[in-house]
C-alpha atoms as a PDB file:
ATOM      1  CA  UNK A   1       0.224  29.668  18.347  1.00  0.00           C
ATOM      2  CA  UNK A   2      -1.057  26.971  20.106  1.00  0.00           C
ATOM      3  CA  UNK A   3       2.443  24.710  19.553  1.00  0.00           C
ATOM      4  CA  UNK A   4       2.347  23.481  23.522  1.00  0.00           C
ATOM      5  CA  UNK A   5      -1.383  21.650  22.194  1.00  0.00           C
ATOM      6  CA  UNK A   6      -0.388  21.036  18.684  1.00  0.00           C
ATOM      7  CA  UNK A   7       2.337  18.664  19.957  1.00  0.00           C
ATOM      8  CA  UNK A   8       0.131  17.368  22.662  1.00  0.00           C
ATOM      9  CA  UNK A   9      -1.650  16.067  20.653  1.00  0.00           C
ATOM     10  CA  UNK A  10       0.251  14.784  17.966  1.00  0.00           C
ATOM     11  CA  UNK A  11       2.665  12.723  20.338  1.00  0.00           C
ATOM     12  CA  UNK A  12      -0.832  11.344  22.087  1.00  0.00           C
ATOM     13  CA  UNK A  13      -1.572  10.096  18.260  1.00  0.00           C
ATOM     14  CA  UNK A  14       1.525   8.623  17.729  1.00  0.00           C
ATOM     15  CA  UNK A  15       1.583   6.711  21.044  1.00  0.00           C
ATOM     16  CA  UNK A  16       5.074   8.365  22.649  1.00  0.00           C
ATOM     17  CA  UNK A  17       6.074   9.292  25.717  1.00  0.00           C
ATOM     18  CA  UNK A  18       7.658  13.197  26.307  1.00  0.00           C
ATOM     19  CA  UNK A  19      10.523  10.994  27.187  1.00  0.00           C
ATOM     20  CA  UNK A  20      10.843   9.152  23.708  1.00  0.00           C
ATOM     21  CA  UNK A  21      10.180  12.141  22.020  1.00  0.00           C
ATOM     22  CA  UNK A  22      13.603  14.026  23.934  1.00  0.00           C
ATOM     23  CA  UNK A  23      15.372  10.968  23.065  1.00  0.00           C
ATOM     24  CA  UNK A  24      14.127  10.949  19.605  1.00  0.00           C
ATOM     25  CA  UNK A  25      14.971  15.111  18.521  1.00  0.00           C
ATOM     26  CA  UNK A  26      17.695  15.567  21.421  1.00  0.00           C
ATOM     27  CA  UNK A  27      17.194  17.837  24.043  1.00  0.00           C
ATOM     28  CA  UNK A  28      15.470  16.716  27.643  1.00  0.00           C
ATOM     29  CA  UNK A  29      12.386  15.632  28.862  1.00  0.00           C
ATOM     30  CA  UNK A  30      11.875  18.942  30.545  1.00  0.00           C
ATOM     31  CA  UNK A  31      12.176  20.471  27.574  1.00  0.00           C
ATOM     32  CA  UNK A  32       8.727  18.554  25.492  1.00  0.00           C
ATOM     33  CA  UNK A  33       7.134  19.596  28.652  1.00  0.00           C
ATOM     34  CA  UNK A  34       8.149  22.891  28.672  1.00  0.00           C
ATOM     35  CA  UNK A  35       7.152  23.323  25.252  1.00  0.00           C
ATOM     36  CA  UNK A  36       3.837  20.978  25.847  1.00  0.00           C
ATOM     37  CA  UNK A  37       2.760  24.122  28.254  1.00  0.00           C
ATOM     38  CA  UNK A  38       4.054  27.313  25.833  1.00  0.00           C
ATOM     39  CA  UNK A  39       7.017  28.052  28.260  1.00  0.00           C
ATOM     40  CA  UNK A  40       8.699  28.727  26.079  1.00  0.00           C
ATOM     41  CA  UNK A  41       8.729  27.990  21.932  1.00  0.00           C
ATOM     42  CA  UNK A  42      11.376  24.763  20.175  1.00  0.00           C
ATOM     43  CA  UNK A  43      14.003  26.230  17.801  1.00  0.00           C
ATOM     44  CA  UNK A  44      13.547  26.044  13.472  1.00  0.00           C
ATOM     45  CA  UNK A  45      15.537  22.926  13.538  1.00  0.00           C
ATOM     46  CA  UNK A  46      13.753  21.529  16.497  1.00  0.00           C
ATOM     47  CA  UNK A  47      10.533  21.990  14.787  1.00  0.00           C
ATOM     48  CA  UNK A  48      11.536  19.876  12.144  1.00  0.00           C
ATOM     49  CA  UNK A  49      13.096  17.223  14.024  1.00  0.00           C
ATOM     50  CA  UNK A  50       9.247  17.211  15.848  1.00  0.00           C
ATOM     51  CA  UNK A  51       7.210  17.404  12.689  1.00  0.00           C
ATOM     52  CA  UNK A  52       9.514  14.726  11.176  1.00  0.00           C
ATOM     53  CA  UNK A  53       9.207  12.780  14.916  1.00  0.00           C
ATOM     54  CA  UNK A  54       5.793  12.473  15.028  1.00  0.00           C
ATOM     55  CA  UNK A  55       5.078  12.199  10.663  1.00  0.00           C
ATOM     56  CA  UNK A  56       3.413  15.237  10.968  1.00  0.00           C
ATOM     57  CA  UNK A  57       4.212  19.270   9.028  1.00  0.00           C
ATOM     58  CA  UNK A  58       5.490  22.434  11.399  1.00  0.00           C
ATOM     59  CA  UNK A  59       2.140  23.540   9.437  1.00  0.00           C
ATOM     60  CA  UNK A  60       0.226  21.148  12.018  1.00  0.00           C
ATOM     61  CA  UNK A  61       2.601  22.028  14.332  1.00  0.00           C
ATOM     62  CA  UNK A  62       2.051  25.683  14.010  1.00  0.00           C
ATOM     63  CA  UNK A  63      -1.398  25.747  13.853  1.00  0.00           C
ATOM     64  CA  UNK A  64      -3.929  28.210  14.926  1.00  0.00           C
ATOM     65  CA  UNK A  65      -6.192  25.609  14.316  1.00  0.00           C
ATOM     66  CA  UNK A  66      -7.382  23.043  17.388  1.00  0.00           C
ATOM     67  CA  UNK A  67      -4.803  19.549  16.713  1.00  0.00           C
ATOM     68  CA  UNK A  68      -7.319  16.777  15.801  1.00  0.00           C
ATOM     69  CA  UNK A  69     -10.198  19.286  16.305  1.00  0.00           C
ATOM     70  CA  UNK A  70     -11.999  17.205  13.125  1.00  0.00           C
ATOM     71  CA  UNK A  71     -13.845  14.093  14.842  1.00  0.00           C
ATOM     72  CA  UNK A  72     -13.624  11.901  11.441  1.00  0.00           C
ATOM     73  CA  UNK A  73     -13.968   7.941  11.963  1.00  0.00           C
ATOM     74  CA  UNK A  74     -11.087   7.214  10.224  1.00  0.00           C
ATOM     75  CA  UNK A  75     -11.179   3.637   8.659  1.00  0.00           C
ATOM     76  CA  UNK A  76      -8.441   0.846   8.460  1.00  0.00           C
ATOM     77  CA  UNK A  77     -10.565  -0.902   5.747  1.00  0.00           C
ATOM     78  CA  UNK A  78     -13.591   0.133   3.633  1.00  0.00           C
ATOM     79  CA  UNK A  79     -15.007  -3.237   2.268  1.00  0.00           C
ATOM     80  CA  UNK A  80     -16.085  -6.218   4.084  1.00  0.00           C
ATOM     81  CA  UNK A  81     -13.769  -8.815   3.015  1.00  0.00           C
ATOM     82  CA  UNK A  82     -16.818 -11.548   3.453  1.00  0.00           C
ATOM     83  CA  UNK A  83     -18.684  -9.830   0.798  1.00  0.00           C
ATOM     84  CA  UNK A  84     -15.974  -9.714  -1.497  1.00  0.00           C
ATOM     85  CA  UNK A  85     -15.065 -13.298  -1.122  1.00  0.00           C
ATOM     86  CA  UNK A  86     -18.638 -13.930  -2.300  1.00  0.00           C
ATOM     87  CA  UNK A  87     -18.399 -11.490  -4.740  1.00  0.00           C
ATOM     88  CA  UNK A  88     -15.570 -12.895  -6.886  1.00  0.00           C
ATOM     89  CA  UNK A  89     -17.103 -16.744  -6.014  1.00  0.00           C
ATOM     90  CA  UNK A  90     -20.231 -15.259  -8.159  1.00  0.00           C
ATOM     91  CA  UNK A  91     -18.041 -14.109 -10.573  1.00  0.00           C
ATOM     92  CA  UNK A  92     -16.082 -17.480 -11.234  1.00  0.00           C
ATOM     93  CA  UNK A  93     -19.170 -19.174 -11.026  1.00  0.00           C
ATOM     94  CA  UNK A  94     -20.879 -17.704 -13.186  1.00  0.00           C
ATOM     95  CA  UNK A  95     -18.058 -17.248 -15.995  1.00  0.00           C
ATOM     96  CA  UNK A  96     -16.773 -20.293 -15.609  1.00  0.00           C
ATOM     97  CA  UNK A  97     -13.735 -19.062 -14.742  1.00  0.00           C
ATOM     98  CA  UNK A  98     -12.374 -22.607 -13.151  1.00  0.00           C
ATOM     99  CA  UNK A  99      -8.423 -20.657 -11.690  1.00  0.00           C
ATOM    100  CA  UNK A 100     -10.326 -18.254  -9.881  1.00  0.00           C
ATOM    101  CA  UNK A 101     -12.345 -20.749  -8.033  1.00  0.00           C
ATOM    102  CA  UNK A 102      -8.837 -23.131  -7.364  1.00  0.00           C
ATOM    103  CA  UNK A 103      -6.861 -19.924  -6.849  1.00  0.00           C
ATOM    104  CA  UNK A 104      -9.741 -17.362  -4.331  1.00  0.00           C
ATOM    105  CA  UNK A 105      -9.886 -19.942  -1.767  1.00  0.00           C
ATOM    106  CA  UNK A 106      -6.563 -20.982  -2.298  1.00  0.00           C
ATOM    107  CA  UNK A 107      -5.323 -17.418  -1.191  1.00  0.00           C
ATOM    108  CA  UNK A 108      -7.768 -16.884   1.928  1.00  0.00           C
ATOM    109  CA  UNK A 109      -5.816 -20.474   2.911  1.00  0.00           C
ATOM    110  CA  UNK A 110      -2.114 -19.174   2.287  1.00  0.00           C
ATOM    111  CA  UNK A 111      -2.966 -16.393   4.354  1.00  0.00           C
ATOM    112  CA  UNK A 112      -4.655 -16.781   7.217  1.00  0.00           C
ATOM    113  CA  UNK A 113      -3.590 -14.872  10.466  1.00  0.00           C
ATOM    114  CA  UNK A 114      -1.458 -12.598   7.945  1.00  0.00           C
ATOM    115  CA  UNK A 115      -2.275  -9.164   8.721  1.00  0.00           C
ATOM    116  CA  UNK A 116      -1.531  -5.772   6.531  1.00  0.00           C
ATOM    117  CA  UNK A 117       1.426  -4.272   6.740  1.00  0.00           C
ATOM    118  CA  UNK A 118       1.499  -0.834   9.302  1.00  0.00           C
ATOM    119  CA  UNK A 119      -1.637  -1.081  11.146  1.00  0.00           C
ATOM    120  CA  UNK A 120      -1.334  -4.768  11.757  1.00  0.00           C
ATOM    121  CA  UNK A 121      -5.501  -4.677  11.641  1.00  0.00           C
ATOM    122  CA  UNK A 122      -6.296  -5.852   8.423  1.00  0.00           C
ATOM    123  CA  UNK A 123      -6.205  -8.925   7.314  1.00  0.00           C
ATOM    124  CA  UNK A 124      -4.181  -9.387   4.319  1.00  0.00           C
ATOM    125  CA  UNK A 125      -7.138 -11.222   1.874  1.00  0.00           C
ATOM    126  CA  UNK A 126      -8.296  -8.097   1.959  1.00  0.00           C
ATOM    127  CA  UNK A 127      -5.113  -6.551  -0.273  1.00  0.00           C
ATOM    128  CA  UNK A 128      -5.732  -8.701  -2.818  1.00  0.00           C
ATOM    129  CA  UNK A 129      -9.942  -9.418  -3.037  1.00  0.00           C
ATOM    130  CA  UNK A 130     -10.044  -5.775  -3.670  1.00  0.00           C
ATOM    131  CA  UNK A 131      -7.425  -6.244  -6.009  1.00  0.00           C
ATOM    132  CA  UNK A 132      -9.721  -8.791  -8.083  1.00  0.00           C
ATOM    133  CA  UNK A 133     -12.924  -6.020  -7.021  1.00  0.00           C
ATOM    134  CA  UNK A 134     -10.892  -3.210  -9.000  1.00  0.00           C
ATOM    135  CA  UNK A 135     -10.012  -5.396 -12.097  1.00  0.00           C
ATOM    136  CA  UNK A 136     -13.724  -6.457 -12.471  1.00  0.00           C
ATOM    137  CA  UNK A 137     -15.097  -3.185 -11.702  1.00  0.00           C
ATOM    138  CA  UNK A 138     -13.033  -2.293 -14.755  1.00  0.00           C
ATOM    139  CA  UNK A 139     -14.215  -5.331 -16.585  1.00  0.00           C
ATOM    140  CA  UNK A 140     -11.185  -6.849 -16.496  1.00  0.00           C
ATOM    141  CA  UNK A 141     -12.873 -10.285 -16.479  1.00  0.00           C
ATOM    142  CA  UNK A 142      -9.985 -12.380 -17.963  1.00  0.00           C
ATOM    143  CA  UNK A 143      -9.686 -15.171 -15.643  1.00  0.00           C
ATOM    144  CA  UNK A 144      -6.201 -16.168 -16.065  1.00  0.00           C
ATOM    145  CA  UNK A 145      -5.461 -12.339 -14.774  1.00  0.00           C
ATOM    146  CA  UNK A 146      -8.041 -12.773 -11.727  1.00  0.00           C
ATOM    147  CA  UNK A 147      -7.017 -16.004 -10.281  1.00  0.00           C
ATOM    148  CA  UNK A 148      -2.822 -14.189 -10.582  1.00  0.00           C
ATOM    149  CA  UNK A 149      -4.434 -11.209  -8.622  1.00  0.00           C
ATOM    150  CA  UNK A 150      -5.672 -13.307  -5.567  1.00  0.00           C
ATOM    151  CA  UNK A 151      -2.564 -14.995  -5.735  1.00  0.00           C
ATOM    152  CA  UNK A 152      -0.024 -12.121  -6.475  1.00  0.00           C
ATOM    153  CA  UNK A 153       2.074 -11.942  -3.190  1.00  0.00           C
ATOM    154  CA  UNK A 154       2.073 -15.635  -1.971  1.00  0.00           C
ATOM    155  CA  UNK A 155       5.208 -16.499  -3.947  1.00  0.00           C
ATOM    156  CA  UNK A 156       6.988 -13.725  -1.996  1.00  0.00           C
ATOM    157  CA  UNK A 157       5.184 -13.598   1.514  1.00  0.00           C
ATOM    158  CA  UNK A 158       4.290 -17.129   2.303  1.00  0.00           C
ATOM    159  CA  UNK A 159       5.694 -20.747   3.353  1.00  0.00           C
ATOM    160  CA  UNK A 160       5.362 -24.371   2.705  1.00  0.00           C
ATOM    161  CA  UNK A 161       5.251 -26.513   5.173  1.00  0.00           C
ATOM    162  CA  UNK A 162       8.947 -26.947   5.540  1.00  0.00           C
ATOM    163  CA  UNK A 163       9.765 -23.106   6.021  1.00  0.00           C
ATOM    164  CA  UNK A 164      10.348 -22.334   1.977  1.00  0.00           C
ATOM    165  CA  UNK A 165       9.004 -20.028  -0.073  1.00  0.00           C
ATOM    166  CA  UNK A 166       5.756 -21.350  -1.938  1.00  0.00           C
ATOM    167  CA  UNK A 167       7.318 -21.725  -6.035  1.00  0.00           C
ATOM    168  CA  UNK A 168       4.545 -20.216  -8.689  1.00  0.00           C
ATOM    169  CA  UNK A 169       4.555 -23.951  -9.795  1.00  0.00           C
ATOM    170  CA  UNK A 170       2.964 -25.165  -6.461  1.00  0.00           C
ATOM    171  CA  UNK A 171       0.085 -23.164  -7.519  1.00  0.00           C
ATOM    172  CA  UNK A 172      -3.435 -24.462  -8.672  1.00  0.00           C
ATOM    173  CA  UNK A 173      -3.709 -22.873 -11.673  1.00  0.00           C
ATOM    174  CA  UNK A 174      -1.962 -22.561 -15.152  1.00  0.00           C
ATOM    175  CA  UNK A 175       1.267 -21.286 -16.860  1.00  0.00           C
ATOM    176  CA  UNK A 176      -0.370 -18.232 -17.666  1.00  0.00           C
ATOM    177  CA  UNK A 177      -0.862 -16.603 -13.921  1.00  0.00           C
ATOM    178  CA  UNK A 178       1.938 -18.719 -12.727  1.00  0.00           C
ATOM    179  CA  UNK A 179       3.442 -16.846 -15.277  1.00  0.00           C
ATOM    180  CA  UNK A 180       2.576 -13.120 -13.991  1.00  0.00           C
ATOM    181  CA  UNK A 181       3.112 -14.523 -10.310  1.00  0.00           C
ATOM    182  CA  UNK A 182       7.029 -15.236 -11.078  1.00  0.00           C
ATOM    183  CA  UNK A 183       7.059 -11.784 -12.792  1.00  0.00           C
ATOM    184  CA  UNK A 184       5.677 -10.337  -9.631  1.00  0.00           C
ATOM    185  CA  UNK A 185       7.068 -11.696  -7.025  1.00  0.00           C
ATOM    186  CA  UNK A 186      10.410  -9.621  -5.362  1.00  0.00           C
ATOM    187  CA  UNK A 187      13.393 -11.716  -5.746  1.00  0.00           C
ATOM    188  CA  UNK A 188      15.225 -13.156  -2.196  1.00  0.00           C
ATOM    189  CA  UNK A 189      18.215 -11.512  -2.835  1.00  0.00           C
ATOM    190  CA  UNK A 190      17.914  -7.497  -4.031  1.00  0.00           C
ATOM    191  CA  UNK A 191      21.694  -6.605  -5.373  1.00  0.00           C
ATOM    192  CA  UNK A 192      21.949  -2.582  -6.098  1.00  0.00           C
ATOM    193  CA  UNK A 193      19.818  -1.612  -9.165  1.00  0.00           C
ATOM    194  CA  UNK A 194      17.612  -5.074  -8.948  1.00  0.00           C
ATOM    195  CA  UNK A 195      14.439  -2.824  -9.473  1.00  0.00           C
ATOM    196  CA  UNK A 196      15.337  -1.966 -13.454  1.00  0.00           C
ATOM    197  CA  UNK A 197      15.988  -5.428 -14.293  1.00  0.00           C
ATOM    198  CA  UNK A 198      13.091  -6.380 -12.205  1.00  0.00           C
ATOM    199  CA  UNK A 199      10.059  -4.238 -13.550  1.00  0.00           C
ATOM    200  CA  UNK A 200      11.639  -4.675 -17.340  1.00  0.00           C
ATOM    201  CA  UNK A 201      10.729  -7.813 -17.117  1.00  0.00           C
ATOM    202  CA  UNK A 202       7.722  -7.149 -15.912  1.00  0.00           C
ATOM    203  CA  UNK A 203       6.650  -4.543 -18.673  1.00  0.00           C
ATOM    204  CA  UNK A 204       6.270  -7.720 -21.851  1.00  0.00           C
ATOM    205  CA  UNK A 205       3.995  -9.894 -19.498  1.00  0.00           C
ATOM    206  CA  UNK A 206       0.173  -7.640 -20.190  1.00  0.00           C
ATOM    207  CA  UNK A 207      -0.883 -10.274 -17.179  1.00  0.00           C
ATOM    208  CA  UNK A 208       2.247  -9.386 -14.948  1.00  0.00           C
ATOM    209  CA  UNK A 209       1.739  -5.411 -15.808  1.00  0.00           C
ATOM    210  CA  UNK A 210      -1.904  -4.930 -14.544  1.00  0.00           C
ATOM    211  CA  UNK A 211      -0.781  -6.725 -11.825  1.00  0.00           C
ATOM    212  CA  UNK A 212       1.876  -4.614 -10.805  1.00  0.00           C
ATOM    213  CA  UNK A 213      -0.374  -1.577 -11.151  1.00  0.00           C
ATOM    214  CA  UNK A 214      -3.023  -2.270  -9.539  1.00  0.00           C
ATOM    215  CA  UNK A 215      -1.448  -3.652  -6.590  1.00  0.00           C
ATOM    216  CA  UNK A 216       0.556  -0.408  -6.790  1.00  0.00           C
ATOM    217  CA  UNK A 217      -2.528   1.450  -6.872  1.00  0.00           C
ATOM    218  CA  UNK A 218      -4.205  -0.465  -3.807  1.00  0.00           C
ATOM    219  CA  UNK A 219      -1.304   0.661  -1.887  1.00  0.00           C
ATOM    220  CA  UNK A 220      -0.912   4.519  -2.466  1.00  0.00           C
ATOM    221  CA  UNK A 221      -4.564   4.701  -1.963  1.00  0.00           C
ATOM    222  CA  UNK A 222      -4.027   3.216   1.841  1.00  0.00           C
ATOM    223  CA  UNK A 223      -0.809   3.737   2.465  1.00  0.00           C
ATOM    224  CA  UNK A 224      -1.482   7.478   3.893  1.00  0.00           C
ATOM    225  CA  UNK A 225      -2.738   4.787   7.085  1.00  0.00           C
ATOM    226  CA  UNK A 226       0.570   2.587   7.788  1.00  0.00           C
ATOM    227  CA  UNK A 227       3.284   4.253   6.129  1.00  0.00           C
ATOM    228  CA  UNK A 228       5.780   7.045   7.773  1.00  0.00           C
ATOM    229  CA  UNK A 229       6.078  10.349   5.870  1.00  0.00           C
ATOM    230  CA  UNK A 230       9.761   9.200   4.746  1.00  0.00           C
ATOM    231  CA  UNK A 231       7.912   5.826   3.405  1.00  0.00           C
ATOM    232  CA  UNK A 232       5.189   7.335   1.949  1.00  0.00           C
ATOM    233  CA  UNK A 233       7.520   9.746  -0.144  1.00  0.00           C
ATOM    234  CA  UNK A 234      10.158   6.595  -0.389  1.00  0.00           C
ATOM    235  CA  UNK A 235       7.159   5.312  -2.059  1.00  0.00           C
ATOM    236  CA  UNK A 236       5.964   7.941  -4.211  1.00  0.00           C
ATOM    237  CA  UNK A 237       9.067   8.510  -5.818  1.00  0.00           C
ATOM    238  CA  UNK A 238       9.761   4.318  -6.810  1.00  0.00           C
ATOM    239  CA  UNK A 239       5.422   4.511  -8.294  1.00  0.00           C
ATOM    240  CA  UNK A 240       6.737   7.618 -10.184  1.00  0.00           C
ATOM    241  CA  UNK A 241      10.089   6.136 -11.588  1.00  0.00           C
ATOM    242  CA  UNK A 242       8.903   2.401 -12.398  1.00  0.00           C
ATOM    243  CA  UNK A 243       5.146   1.848 -12.268  1.00  0.00           C
ATOM    244  CA  UNK A 244       4.206   4.421 -14.166  1.00  0.00           C
ATOM    245  CA  UNK A 245       6.158   4.161 -17.146  1.00  0.00           C
ATOM    246  CA  UNK A 246       4.378   0.528 -17.038  1.00  0.00           C
ATOM    247  CA  UNK A 247       0.410   2.307 -16.992  1.00  0.00           C
ATOM    248  CA  UNK A 248       1.804   4.003 -20.522  1.00  0.00           C
ATOM    249  CA  UNK A 249       3.093   0.296 -21.475  1.00  0.00           C
ATOM    250  CA  UNK A 250      -1.054  -0.206 -21.232  1.00  0.00           C
ATOM    251  CA  UNK A 251      -2.249   2.434 -23.271  1.00  0.00           C
ATOM    252  CA  UNK A 252       0.433   1.303 -26.122  1.00  0.00           C
ATOM    253  CA  UNK A 253       1.353  -2.599 -26.613  1.00  0.00           C
ATOM    254  CA  UNK A 254      -1.795  -4.207 -25.589  1.00  0.00           C
ATOM    255  CA  UNK A 255      -5.637  -3.990 -26.474  1.00  0.00           C
ATOM    256  CA  UNK A 256      -8.184  -1.608 -25.881  1.00  0.00           C
ATOM    257  CA  UNK A 257      -9.882  -2.266 -22.408  1.00  0.00           C
ATOM    258  CA  UNK A 258      -6.673  -2.018 -21.248  1.00  0.00           C
ATOM    259  CA  UNK A 259      -6.570   1.437 -23.102  1.00  0.00           C
ATOM    260  CA  UNK A 260      -8.917   2.442 -21.064  1.00  0.00           C
ATOM    261  CA  UNK A 261      -8.591   0.395 -17.858  1.00  0.00           C
ATOM    262  CA  UNK A 262      -4.914   2.154 -17.676  1.00  0.00           C
ATOM    263  CA  UNK A 263      -6.575   5.552 -17.759  1.00  0.00           C
ATOM    264  CA  UNK A 264      -8.389   4.925 -14.722  1.00  0.00           C
ATOM    265  CA  UNK A 265      -6.015   3.580 -12.880  1.00  0.00           C
ATOM    266  CA  UNK A 266      -3.210   6.297 -13.706  1.00  0.00           C
ATOM    267  CA  UNK A 267      -5.755   9.001 -12.383  1.00  0.00           C
ATOM    268  CA  UNK A 268      -6.221   7.556  -9.541  1.00  0.00           C
ATOM    269  CA  UNK A 269      -2.909   7.216  -8.616  1.00  0.00           C
ATOM    270  CA  UNK A 270      -1.653  10.037  -9.684  1.00  0.00           C
ATOM    271  CA  UNK A 271      -4.952  12.190  -7.806  1.00  0.00           C
ATOM    272  CA  UNK A 272      -3.729   9.918  -4.472  1.00  0.00           C
ATOM    273  CA  UNK A 273       0.157  11.088  -5.426  1.00  0.00           C
ATOM    274  CA  UNK A 274      -0.408  14.951  -5.826  1.00  0.00           C
ATOM    275  CA  UNK A 275      -2.634  15.119  -2.786  1.00  0.00           C
ATOM    276  CA  UNK A 276      -0.246  13.413  -0.176  1.00  0.00           C
ATOM    277  CA  UNK A 277       3.099  15.530  -1.858  1.00  0.00           C
ATOM    278  CA  UNK A 278       0.982  19.001  -0.508  1.00  0.00           C
ATOM    279  CA  UNK A 279       0.563  17.176   2.983  1.00  0.00           C
ATOM    280  CA  UNK A 280       4.320  15.824   3.150  1.00  0.00           C
END
């Protein structure tokens, strides 16, 4: 057993000092130092606390394999923003998708200077661009849908010149795309039980339903890079309760193209979540 070296690796990976770990676990920094030098082993309850604080598992801390022995280059961003932007613009020009053509530069402008939560390295526009490319790859080419995907977070995350939320009626698209964005925009005030009403409203709108499941699919596939273990567990639970039923709505209520897309998205989401459960 090599807990000391594994603990040292996980602490540095998390960017914490011995003193910070000591405060979070409830011991002295000398104790953390002793653990890292294998002077003695932490008790089981302290191992559990260490695993939680360091976003790891007891299995990793107690592994006989060197922690961090794999030298993979971890990527926060898998695709080029410029290439995805050009691809969507080409789709809009080639298909006459005027709403997509208007939404594309507007989304880039509104999300300028914003970055994805968690790592602070990925430009926020990466997210709606990736979702739009995902939809096009699934043969979902509807102009209203791609425009709504590009704009789905604008009303929730962007402000106008007066410091107020952008409203759906301000978006440079038609009423169908605006309504989808309105439905997926989470309310500013969220009383207990707000989630059920929110997801019920989304399920009654085909485009909003597709936007929401693609949004969640994208977030789940990337959350290991920016979420804590606790946040990942909470996100998986919320997904199983509220988002997976939306995929069943797509398969039952809407046309055949949605059925095939829902199957592929469900496969990806379930695969990602089941793999993450085994690692949490």
